[in-house]
């Protein structure tokens, strides 16, 4: 149980990259700015990587718009005249304090430094403060690949220091150098709007990212690169999901009359590729959303359904108890989401609400070699406000875990998140984020176990 708590604590805080209405900024894909000749704020709302209406349409149309950039064209050929790529890097410092209680009495031996970039204490030295350079180093290549074809790929240049021990809930990529994400879309332009065949693979961002979802609630968009929804982060034992986890997907999506987004696809768990599973079953993914203007605000409202079919696992690699728990099971997830973005008296405001109504997941017990069958529900309302180069964000992430087939009570997981950003120079942004996380196992008396983590992180991020 302590291992699970420590993993969750590692998740509880991370700074986010952001910028408010600036010409260019950290973690934007400057490849698109080079291709279109547009400043980054033309596509982004308040902070990177959140998108406005124009940016949403650019993504749904598979990044094909070229603006003033010249094209090399011939029969069957229509390419930008330049190779479009961008470099993203970040420097980070974090500090935190983790505490654990049993029956209301603090377990002093379990106290650890909770800085997101700090090293585990290992019961010897408290490492409250962590410093990392780079926190992130990525080469992002993307844009137009032809008249009807476009995509984007992210290549890690160094091991990421974010989420050094990825929890079951949500994890950004933390592997070594190599291809981290790629997605491609072939678009047929109709009178009603674009219809696309889309596919790709990701080690952390989930199915919604691969189908160019229009909402900033999905694909790590919600809080820039900061704290993400615990409930939305579930991915059926680490095999891919809606908002997080590794997955390969192929399907179709359409954006009709600029108002209706529809996506239907199949997801292949990425762990099939590393030999953990001996076969797989295609997992269905369905998404529908309204996109458009309501009372002068940019609104996206919809819902999703995802049934992660786990298939058969390699018994030579996992325990018999674990394979019995997860073999041929389906981890069903569905929920509703709302996004409202706009301006009031010159101040831009964004409101985001993902609500996972049902989320089945399997937590791996590394000690006993068993799997835990559980349901996780939750919501994460977030408010952002920005004016000029300054911005701030307030969010409350709540999730509840129910262990199916047991008499265990439901567990509560709560996190308050407060963040701010300032665009200090062209291509350079300063970010700060504070989070306060609480976990309660729901038991009474001496069996009641709780944990808390207060942490603050600052990042300076740069894009070229």
Protein backbone atom coordinates (compact mmCIF):
# COMPACT_ATOMS: atom_id res chain seq x y z
CA UNK A 1 0.00 0.00 0.00
CA UNK A 2 2.83 2.35 0.81
CA UNK A 3 4.31 1.76 -2.64
CA UNK A 4 1.01 2.78 -4.19
CA UNK A 5 0.91 5.93 -2.07
CA UNK A 6 4.46 6.90 -2.96
CA UNK A 7 3.69 6.42 -6.65
CA UNK A 8 0.65 8.62 -6.30
CA UNK A 9 2.72 11.20 -4.46
CA UNK A 10 5.16 11.33 -7.34
CA UNK A 11 2.22 12.23 -9.53
CA UNK A 12 0.76 14.92 -7.33
CA UNK A 13 2.83 17.86 -8.53
CA UNK A 14 4.58 19.01 -11.62
CA UNK A 15 4.94 22.45 -13.10
CA UNK A 16 3.23 23.30 -16.33
CA UNK A 17 4.52 25.10 -19.38
CA UNK A 18 2.54 28.17 -20.34
CA UNK A 19 2.48 31.55 -22.04
CA UNK A 20 -0.14 34.25 -22.46
CA UNK A 21 -0.72 35.71 -25.90
CA UNK A 22 2.95 35.90 -26.85
CA UNK A 23 4.51 35.78 -30.35
CA UNK A 24 6.23 32.47 -29.59
CA UNK A 25 6.52 30.39 -26.48
CA UNK A 26 7.70 27.31 -24.68
CA UNK A 27 6.37 23.94 -25.74
CA UNK A 28 4.62 25.37 -28.75
CA UNK A 29 5.45 23.53 -31.93
CA UNK A 30 7.52 26.15 -33.70
CA UNK A 31 7.49 23.89 -36.77
CA UNK A 32 3.93 25.07 -37.35
CA UNK A 33 4.90 28.72 -36.93
CA UNK A 34 7.59 28.25 -39.58
CA UNK A 35 5.15 26.54 -41.92
CA UNK A 36 2.24 28.98 -41.58
CA UNK A 37 4.11 32.23 -41.00
CA UNK A 38 1.77 32.82 -38.04
CA UNK A 39 2.73 33.76 -34.50
CA UNK A 40 2.09 31.01 -31.96
CA UNK A 41 -0.76 32.89 -30.29
CA UNK A 42 -2.71 32.64 -33.55
CA UNK A 43 -3.42 29.00 -32.63
CA UNK A 44 -3.17 28.99 -28.84
CA UNK A 45 -5.46 30.19 -26.07
CA UNK A 46 -3.67 31.70 -23.04
CA UNK A 47 -1.11 28.95 -22.56
CA UNK A 48 0.65 26.29 -24.53
CA UNK A 49 -0.51 23.82 -25.56
CA UNK A 50 -4.20 24.81 -25.22
CA UNK A 51 -5.78 25.67 -28.57
CA UNK A 52 -8.25 28.33 -29.65
CA UNK A 53 -10.83 27.83 -32.42
CA UNK A 54 -8.30 28.53 -35.19
CA UNK A 55 -5.74 26.15 -33.70
CA UNK A 56 -8.39 23.47 -33.28
CA UNK A 57 -9.31 23.67 -36.95
CA UNK A 58 -5.64 23.64 -37.96
CA UNK A 59 -5.11 20.40 -36.02
CA UNK A 60 -8.30 18.72 -37.23
CA UNK A 61 -7.28 19.57 -40.79
CA UNK A 62 -4.03 17.63 -40.19
CA UNK A 63 -1.72 20.66 -40.00
CA UNK A 64 -1.90 21.23 -43.79
CA UNK A 65 -2.27 25.03 -43.98
CA UNK A 66 0.91 26.67 -45.23
CA UNK A 67 0.14 30.38 -45.13
CA UNK A 68 2.86 32.29 -46.95
CA UNK A 69 5.39 29.44 -47.03
CA UNK A 70 6.26 28.36 -50.53
CA UNK A 71 5.45 24.87 -51.83
CA UNK A 72 7.33 22.41 -53.96
CA UNK A 73 4.67 20.99 -56.23
CA UNK A 74 4.53 18.48 -59.03
CA UNK A 75 2.22 15.67 -60.02
CA UNK A 76 1.41 13.88 -56.78
CA UNK A 77 3.69 16.23 -54.79
CA UNK A 78 2.87 19.22 -52.61
CA UNK A 79 5.43 19.84 -49.87
CA UNK A 80 6.51 22.92 -47.88
CA UNK A 81 9.68 24.44 -49.31
CA UNK A 82 11.40 24.13 -45.92
CA UNK A 83 11.81 21.33 -43.41
CA UNK A 84 9.69 22.39 -40.44
CA UNK A 85 10.86 21.43 -36.96
CA UNK A 86 11.13 22.92 -33.49
CA UNK A 87 13.27 22.38 -30.38
CA UNK A 88 11.68 22.44 -26.90
CA UNK A 89 13.78 22.52 -23.72
CA UNK A 90 13.13 23.22 -20.03
CA UNK A 91 14.97 23.77 -16.74
CA UNK A 92 13.21 22.93 -13.48
CA UNK A 93 13.47 23.23 -9.69
CA UNK A 94 10.99 21.67 -7.25
CA UNK A 95 10.55 21.26 -3.53
CA UNK A 96 8.01 19.33 -1.48
CA UNK A 97 7.13 17.53 1.72
CA UNK A 98 5.39 14.13 1.86
CA UNK A 99 3.81 12.75 5.06
CA UNK A 100 1.95 9.55 5.88
CA UNK A 101 -0.40 8.77 8.80
CA UNK A 102 -1.86 5.56 10.27
CA UNK A 103 -4.81 5.92 12.64
CA UNK A 104 -4.06 9.64 12.90
CA UNK A 105 -0.44 9.04 14.00
CA UNK A 106 2.33 10.19 11.68
CA UNK A 107 4.65 7.51 10.33
CA UNK A 108 7.88 9.51 10.62
CA UNK A 109 9.90 6.81 8.85
CA UNK A 110 7.74 7.22 5.75
CA UNK A 111 8.30 10.99 5.45
CA UNK A 112 9.98 11.90 2.19
CA UNK A 113 10.98 14.86 0.13
CA UNK A 114 8.20 15.39 -2.38
CA UNK A 115 9.91 17.65 -4.89
CA UNK A 116 8.80 16.40 -8.28
CA UNK A 117 12.37 16.37 -9.56
CA UNK A 118 13.92 15.08 -6.34
CA UNK A 119 15.25 11.56 -5.84
CA UNK A 120 13.48 9.04 -3.57
CA UNK A 121 14.65 9.16 0.04
CA UNK A 122 15.16 5.40 0.32
CA UNK A 123 14.73 5.84 4.09
CA UNK A 124 18.21 7.38 4.37
CA UNK A 125 18.38 10.96 3.14
CA UNK A 126 15.48 13.39 2.73
CA UNK A 127 15.76 14.85 -0.77
CA UNK A 128 13.24 17.68 -0.64
CA UNK A 129 14.65 19.75 -3.50
CA UNK A 130 15.33 18.58 -7.01
CA UNK A 131 16.98 20.36 -9.93
CA UNK A 132 16.95 19.08 -13.50
CA UNK A 133 18.43 20.24 -16.78
CA UNK A 134 16.94 19.38 -19.08
CA UNK A 135 13.55 18.52 -17.68
CA UNK A 136 12.59 18.13 -21.27
CA UNK A 137 14.50 18.14 -24.55
CA UNK A 138 12.39 17.40 -27.61
CA UNK A 139 12.63 17.75 -31.34
CA UNK A 140 9.15 18.25 -32.79
CA UNK A 141 8.69 17.70 -36.53
CA UNK A 142 5.37 18.21 -38.21
CA UNK A 143 3.05 19.89 -40.65
CA UNK A 144 1.95 19.37 -44.21
CA UNK A 145 3.02 16.13 -45.90
CA UNK A 146 0.89 16.63 -49.02
CA UNK A 147 -2.41 18.04 -50.32
CA UNK A 148 -4.42 15.69 -48.12
CA UNK A 149 -1.85 14.44 -45.65
CA UNK A 150 -0.25 15.81 -42.49
CA UNK A 151 1.02 14.89 -39.06
CA UNK A 152 3.46 15.48 -36.25
CA UNK A 153 6.21 13.50 -34.50
CA UNK A 154 7.97 14.14 -31.18
CA UNK A 155 11.51 12.84 -30.68
CA UNK A 156 13.00 12.78 -27.18
CA UNK A 157 16.61 13.93 -27.18
CA UNK A 158 17.18 13.07 -23.52
CA UNK A 159 15.52 11.11 -20.76
CA UNK A 160 12.64 13.11 -19.32
CA UNK A 161 12.84 13.95 -15.62
CA UNK A 162 9.10 14.43 -15.25
CA UNK A 163 7.24 11.68 -13.45
CA UNK A 164 10.42 9.68 -12.71
CA UNK A 165 8.25 6.82 -11.38
CA UNK A 166 5.09 6.97 -13.52
CA UNK A 167 2.01 6.23 -11.42
CA UNK A 168 -0.95 4.20 -12.59
CA UNK A 169 -2.92 7.41 -12.89
CA UNK A 170 -1.09 9.59 -15.38
CA UNK A 171 2.43 9.73 -16.74
CA UNK A 172 4.13 11.81 -19.34
CA UNK A 173 6.86 10.11 -21.31
CA UNK A 174 9.83 9.18 -19.15
CA UNK A 175 11.85 6.89 -21.35
CA UNK A 176 15.20 7.50 -22.95
CA UNK A 177 16.02 9.15 -26.28
CA UNK A 178 13.90 8.09 -29.24
CA UNK A 179 10.54 8.54 -30.91
CA UNK A 180 7.93 9.42 -28.27
CA UNK A 181 4.78 10.24 -30.24
CA UNK A 182 3.67 10.35 -33.85
CA UNK A 183 0.33 10.75 -35.57
CA UNK A 184 -0.74 10.99 -39.18
CA UNK A 185 -4.04 11.86 -40.86
CA UNK A 186 -5.21 11.57 -44.47
CA UNK A 187 -8.03 14.09 -44.97
CA UNK A 188 -10.81 14.12 -47.54
CA UNK A 189 -12.36 17.59 -47.79
CA UNK A 190 -16.14 17.46 -48.24
CA UNK A 191 -18.80 20.14 -48.46
CA UNK A 192 -19.73 19.40 -44.85
CA UNK A 193 -16.16 19.47 -43.58
CA UNK A 194 -13.04 17.31 -43.27
CA UNK A 195 -13.27 13.54 -42.95
CA UNK A 196 -9.99 11.85 -42.03
CA UNK A 197 -8.36 8.48 -41.64
CA UNK A 198 -6.02 8.87 -38.67
CA UNK A 199 -3.48 6.77 -36.86
CA UNK A 200 -0.34 6.83 -34.83
CA UNK A 201 1.33 5.77 -31.63
CA UNK A 202 2.07 7.42 -28.30
CA UNK A 203 3.79 6.33 -25.12
CA UNK A 204 1.79 8.64 -22.84
CA UNK A 205 -0.97 10.79 -24.37
CA UNK A 206 -3.72 8.28 -25.08
CA UNK A 207 -6.26 7.72 -27.85
CA UNK A 208 -7.77 11.23 -27.87
CA UNK A 209 -4.42 12.72 -28.88
CA UNK A 210 -4.06 10.34 -31.83
CA UNK A 211 -7.44 11.36 -33.28
CA UNK A 212 -6.75 15.13 -33.08
CA UNK A 213 -9.47 15.69 -30.48
CA UNK A 214 -10.91 19.23 -30.46
CA UNK A 215 -11.08 19.68 -26.66
CA UNK A 216 -8.33 21.07 -24.45
CA UNK A 217 -9.53 18.66 -21.75
CA UNK A 218 -7.78 15.75 -23.49
CA UNK A 219 -4.28 14.74 -24.51
CA UNK A 220 -2.46 16.60 -21.77
CA UNK A 221 -4.01 19.91 -22.86
CA UNK A 222 -5.94 20.58 -19.67
CA UNK A 223 -3.19 22.18 -17.62
CA UNK A 224 -0.46 22.67 -20.14
CA UNK A 225 2.22 20.24 -18.96
CA UNK A 226 1.15 20.36 -15.32
CA UNK A 227 -1.05 18.28 -13.06
CA UNK A 228 -3.44 16.07 -15.02
CA UNK A 229 -6.72 14.44 -14.04
CA UNK A 230 -6.19 11.30 -11.93
CA UNK A 231 -9.42 9.72 -13.17
CA UNK A 232 -8.77 10.46 -16.85
CA UNK A 233 -5.26 9.13 -16.51
CA UNK A 234 -6.36 5.54 -16.01
CA UNK A 235 -5.43 3.19 -18.80
CA UNK A 236 -6.26 -0.39 -17.88
CA UNK A 237 -3.00 -1.54 -16.36
CA UNK A 238 -0.84 0.77 -18.44
CA UNK A 239 -2.02 -0.38 -21.87
CA UNK A 240 -3.44 2.80 -23.35
CA UNK A 241 -6.52 4.89 -22.68
CA UNK A 242 -8.44 8.05 -23.47
CA UNK A 243 -6.12 10.65 -21.98
CA UNK A 244 -2.95 8.81 -21.00
CA UNK A 245 -0.92 5.71 -21.54
CA UNK A 246 0.84 4.04 -24.41
CA UNK A 247 -1.25 2.98 -27.38
CA UNK A 248 -1.30 2.55 -31.14
CA UNK A 249 -4.56 3.49 -32.85
CA UNK A 250 -6.24 3.64 -36.25
CA UNK A 251 -9.66 5.03 -37.11
CA UNK A 252 -11.69 7.79 -38.73
CA UNK A 253 -12.86 11.19 -37.55
CA UNK A 254 -14.94 14.00 -39.03
CA UNK A 255 -15.65 17.64 -38.24
CA UNK A 256 -18.98 18.49 -39.85
CA UNK A 257 -20.33 22.02 -40.40
CA UNK A 258 -17.68 23.26 -38.00
CA UNK A 259 -19.90 22.06 -35.15
CA UNK A 260 -19.89 18.27 -34.82
CA UNK A 261 -16.77 16.22 -34.15
CA UNK A 262 -17.09 12.44 -34.41
CA UNK A 263 -14.35 9.80 -34.01
CA UNK A 264 -14.49 6.01 -34.20
CA UNK A 265 -11.37 3.91 -33.95
CA UNK A 266 -9.59 0.86 -32.69
CA UNK A 267 -6.74 0.93 -30.18
CA UNK A 268 -3.98 -1.66 -29.88
CA UNK A 269 -2.32 -1.82 -26.45
CA UNK A 270 1.31 -0.82 -26.89
CA UNK A 271 2.57 -3.53 -24.53
CA UNK A 272 1.82 -6.06 -27.27
CA UNK A 273 4.98 -4.76 -28.93
CA UNK A 274 7.23 -5.50 -25.96
CA UNK A 275 6.13 -9.12 -25.50
CA UNK A 276 4.04 -8.62 -22.35
CA UNK A 277 0.91 -9.74 -24.20
CA UNK A 278 0.91 -12.81 -26.43
CA UNK A 279 -2.05 -11.53 -28.44
CA UNK A 280 -4.53 -8.69 -28.36
CA UNK A 281 -8.07 -7.69 -29.15
CA UNK A 282 -8.86 -4.41 -30.90
CA UNK A 283 -10.26 -1.97 -28.33
CA UNK A 284 -13.13 0.27 -29.57
CA UNK A 285 -12.99 4.03 -29.05
CA UNK A 286 -15.94 6.37 -29.74
CA UNK A 287 -16.03 10.13 -29.28
CA UNK A 288 -18.62 12.83 -30.09
CA UNK A 289 -18.55 16.56 -29.30
CA UNK A 290 -20.18 19.86 -30.18
CA UNK A 291 -17.76 22.65 -31.15
CA UNK A 292 -18.78 26.25 -31.74
CA UNK A 293 -19.61 29.67 -30.33
CA UNK A 294 -22.16 30.09 -27.53
CA UNK A 295 -22.86 33.61 -26.24
CA UNK A 296 -19.51 34.74 -27.61
CA UNK A 297 -17.54 31.92 -25.95
CA UNK A 298 -15.72 29.08 -27.67
CA UNK A 299 -17.40 25.91 -26.41
CA UNK A 300 -16.60 22.22 -26.76
CA UNK A 301 -19.01 19.81 -25.07
CA UNK A 302 -19.21 16.07 -25.55
CA UNK A 303 -18.59 12.58 -24.30
CA UNK A 304 -16.48 9.50 -24.93
CA UNK A 305 -16.53 5.72 -24.62
CA UNK A 306 -13.51 3.44 -24.58
CA UNK A 307 -13.39 -0.31 -23.95
CA UNK A 308 -9.81 -1.46 -23.43
CA UNK A 309 -9.74 -5.18 -24.25
CA UNK A 310 -6.70 -6.50 -22.43
CA UNK A 311 -6.27 -9.78 -24.34
CA UNK A 312 -4.00 -12.62 -23.20
CA UNK A 313 -0.84 -11.96 -21.22
CA UNK A 314 2.42 -13.82 -21.38
CA UNK A 315 2.31 -16.17 -18.38
CA UNK A 316 6.10 -16.54 -18.54
CA UNK A 317 6.48 -12.87 -17.56
CA UNK A 318 3.61 -12.40 -15.10
CA UNK A 319 2.41 -14.38 -12.10
CA UNK A 320 -0.46 -16.84 -12.48
CA UNK A 321 -2.55 -14.73 -10.10
CA UNK A 322 -2.02 -11.62 -12.19
CA UNK A 323 -2.74 -13.24 -15.53
CA UNK A 324 -5.92 -14.73 -14.06
CA UNK A 325 -7.00 -11.27 -12.90
CA UNK A 326 -6.50 -9.41 -16.18
CA UNK A 327 -6.60 -11.96 -19.02
CA UNK A 328 -9.40 -11.31 -21.51
CA UNK A 329 -10.85 -8.50 -19.40
CA UNK A 330 -12.30 -5.23 -20.67
CA UNK A 331 -11.48 -1.93 -18.92
CA UNK A 332 -14.43 0.30 -19.79
CA UNK A 333 -14.20 4.07 -19.54
CA UNK A 334 -16.80 6.70 -20.36
CA UNK A 335 -17.59 10.25 -19.37
CA UNK A 336 -18.52 13.81 -20.30
CA UNK A 337 -16.45 16.95 -20.84
CA UNK A 338 -16.95 20.71 -21.15
CA UNK A 339 -14.69 23.52 -22.33
CA UNK A 340 -15.59 27.23 -22.30
CA UNK A 341 -13.08 29.86 -23.48
CA UNK A 342 -13.48 33.57 -24.12
CA UNK A 343 -12.84 37.13 -22.97
CA UNK A 344 -14.66 39.46 -20.55
CA UNK A 345 -13.63 43.13 -20.46
CA UNK A 346 -10.27 42.33 -22.02
CA UNK A 347 -9.46 39.48 -19.62
CA UNK A 348 -9.36 36.00 -21.13
CA UNK A 349 -11.06 33.22 -19.16
CA UNK A 350 -11.04 29.47 -19.63
CA UNK A 351 -13.08 26.81 -17.83
CA UNK A 352 -12.46 23.08 -18.26
CA UNK A 353 -14.37 20.15 -16.76
CA UNK A 354 -13.59 16.50 -17.52
CA UNK A 355 -15.92 14.09 -15.71
CA UNK A 356 -15.14 10.40 -15.87
CA UNK A 357 -18.36 8.63 -14.91
CA UNK A 358 -16.84 5.17 -15.04
CA UNK A 359 -13.23 4.06 -15.32
CA UNK A 360 -12.14 0.46 -14.86
CA UNK A 361 -8.48 -0.08 -14.17
CA UNK A 362 -6.02 -2.71 -12.96
CA UNK A 363 -3.35 -1.71 -10.46
CA UNK A 364 -0.28 -3.94 -10.60
CA UNK A 365 1.02 -5.13 -7.24
CA UNK A 366 4.74 -5.51 -7.75
CA UNK A 367 5.26 -7.20 -4.38
CA UNK A 368 2.67 -9.98 -4.52
CA UNK A 369 2.54 -10.26 -8.30
CA UNK A 370 -1.24 -9.82 -8.32
CA UNK A 371 -3.60 -7.37 -9.97
CA UNK A 372 -6.19 -5.17 -8.26
CA UNK A 373 -9.54 -4.84 -10.04
CA UNK A 374 -10.94 -1.36 -9.40
CA UNK A 375 -13.24 1.42 -10.63
CA UNK A 376 -12.08 5.04 -10.56
CA UNK A 377 -14.42 7.96 -11.11
CA UNK A 378 -13.70 11.65 -10.82
CA UNK A 379 -13.75 15.19 -12.14
CA UNK A 380 -11.26 18.02 -12.42
CA UNK A 381 -12.79 21.54 -12.77
CA UNK A 382 -10.13 24.08 -13.72
CA UNK A 383 -10.34 27.86 -14.15
CA UNK A 384 -7.70 29.92 -15.98
CA UNK A 385 -7.45 33.72 -16.18
CA UNK A 386 -4.94 35.74 -18.20
CA UNK A 387 -4.17 39.33 -19.13
CA UNK A 388 -1.19 40.27 -21.27
CA UNK A 389 1.90 38.21 -20.38
CA UNK A 390 0.48 37.15 -16.98
CA UNK A 391 -1.81 34.23 -16.27
CA UNK A 392 -3.06 32.14 -13.35
CA UNK A 393 -4.86 28.84 -12.89
CA UNK A 394 -6.89 27.18 -10.14
CA UNK A 395 -7.98 23.55 -10.21
CA UNK A 396 -9.46 20.91 -7.90
CA UNK A 397 -8.88 17.30 -8.91
CA UNK A 398 -11.10 14.78 -7.16
CA UNK A 399 -11.28 11.05 -7.76
CA UNK A 400 -12.72 8.07 -5.91
CA UNK A 401 -11.52 4.47 -6.16
CA UNK A 402 -13.73 1.45 -5.54
CA UNK A 403 -12.15 -1.99 -5.26
CA UNK A 404 -14.54 -4.37 -6.99
CA UNK A 405 -15.39 -7.71 -5.40
CA UNK A 406 -14.03 -6.70 -1.99
CA UNK A 407 -15.35 -5.25 1.26
CA UNK A 408 -12.77 -2.46 1.18
CA UNK A 409 -14.17 1.08 1.48
CA UNK A 410 -13.79 3.63 -1.29
CA UNK A 411 -10.60 5.68 -1.37
CA UNK A 412 -10.57 9.45 -1.92
CA UNK A 413 -7.87 11.30 -3.83
CA UNK A 414 -7.93 15.12 -3.79
CA UNK A 415 -5.52 17.72 -5.17
CA UNK A 416 -5.72 21.51 -5.09
CA UNK A 417 -3.56 23.09 -7.79
CA UNK A 418 -2.62 26.77 -8.11
CA UNK A 419 -0.39 27.93 -10.96
CA UNK A 420 0.88 31.10 -12.63
CA UNK A 421 3.01 32.02 -15.60
CA UNK A 422 4.82 35.04 -17.00
CA UNK A 423 6.26 35.48 -20.48
CA UNK A 424 9.61 37.02 -19.62
CA UNK A 425 11.08 37.20 -23.14
CA UNK A 426 10.46 36.00 -26.64
CA UNK A 427 10.52 32.18 -26.58
CA UNK A 428 11.13 32.12 -22.81
CA UNK A 429 8.47 31.66 -20.12
CA UNK A 430 8.60 31.31 -16.35
CA UNK A 431 6.07 28.95 -14.71
CA UNK A 432 5.28 28.22 -11.09
CA UNK A 433 2.82 25.68 -9.68
CA UNK A 434 1.79 24.72 -6.15
CA UNK A 435 -0.23 21.59 -5.39
CA UNK A 436 -1.64 20.10 -2.23
CA UNK A 437 -2.55 16.40 -2.43
CA UNK A 438 -4.51 14.31 0.09
CA UNK A 439 -5.26 10.57 0.01
CA UNK A 440 -7.52 8.63 2.40
CA UNK A 441 -8.10 4.85 2.34
CA UNK A 442 -11.61 5.30 3.80
CA UNK A 443 -11.11 2.92 6.73
CA UNK A 444 -12.01 3.76 10.31
CA UNK A 445 -10.01 3.92 13.52
CA UNK A 446 -6.52 2.46 13.66
CA UNK A 447 -6.84 1.13 10.09
CA UNK A 448 -7.32 4.59 8.64
CA UNK A 449 -4.36 5.43 6.44
CA UNK A 450 -3.84 8.87 4.90
CA UNK A 451 -1.08 10.67 3.06
CA UNK A 452 -0.47 14.25 2.00
CA UNK A 453 1.97 16.09 -0.20
CA UNK A 454 2.51 19.82 -0.50
CA UNK A 455 4.88 20.80 -3.25
CA UNK A 456 5.94 23.73 -5.37
CA UNK A 457 7.71 23.61 -8.73
CA UNK A 458 9.15 26.27 -11.00
CA UNK A 459 10.20 25.89 -14.61
CA UNK A 460 11.86 28.04 -17.22
CA UNK A 461 11.04 26.77 -20.70
CA UNK A 462 12.36 27.67 -24.11
CA UNK A 463 11.35 26.88 -27.67
CA UNK A 464 13.31 27.47 -30.85
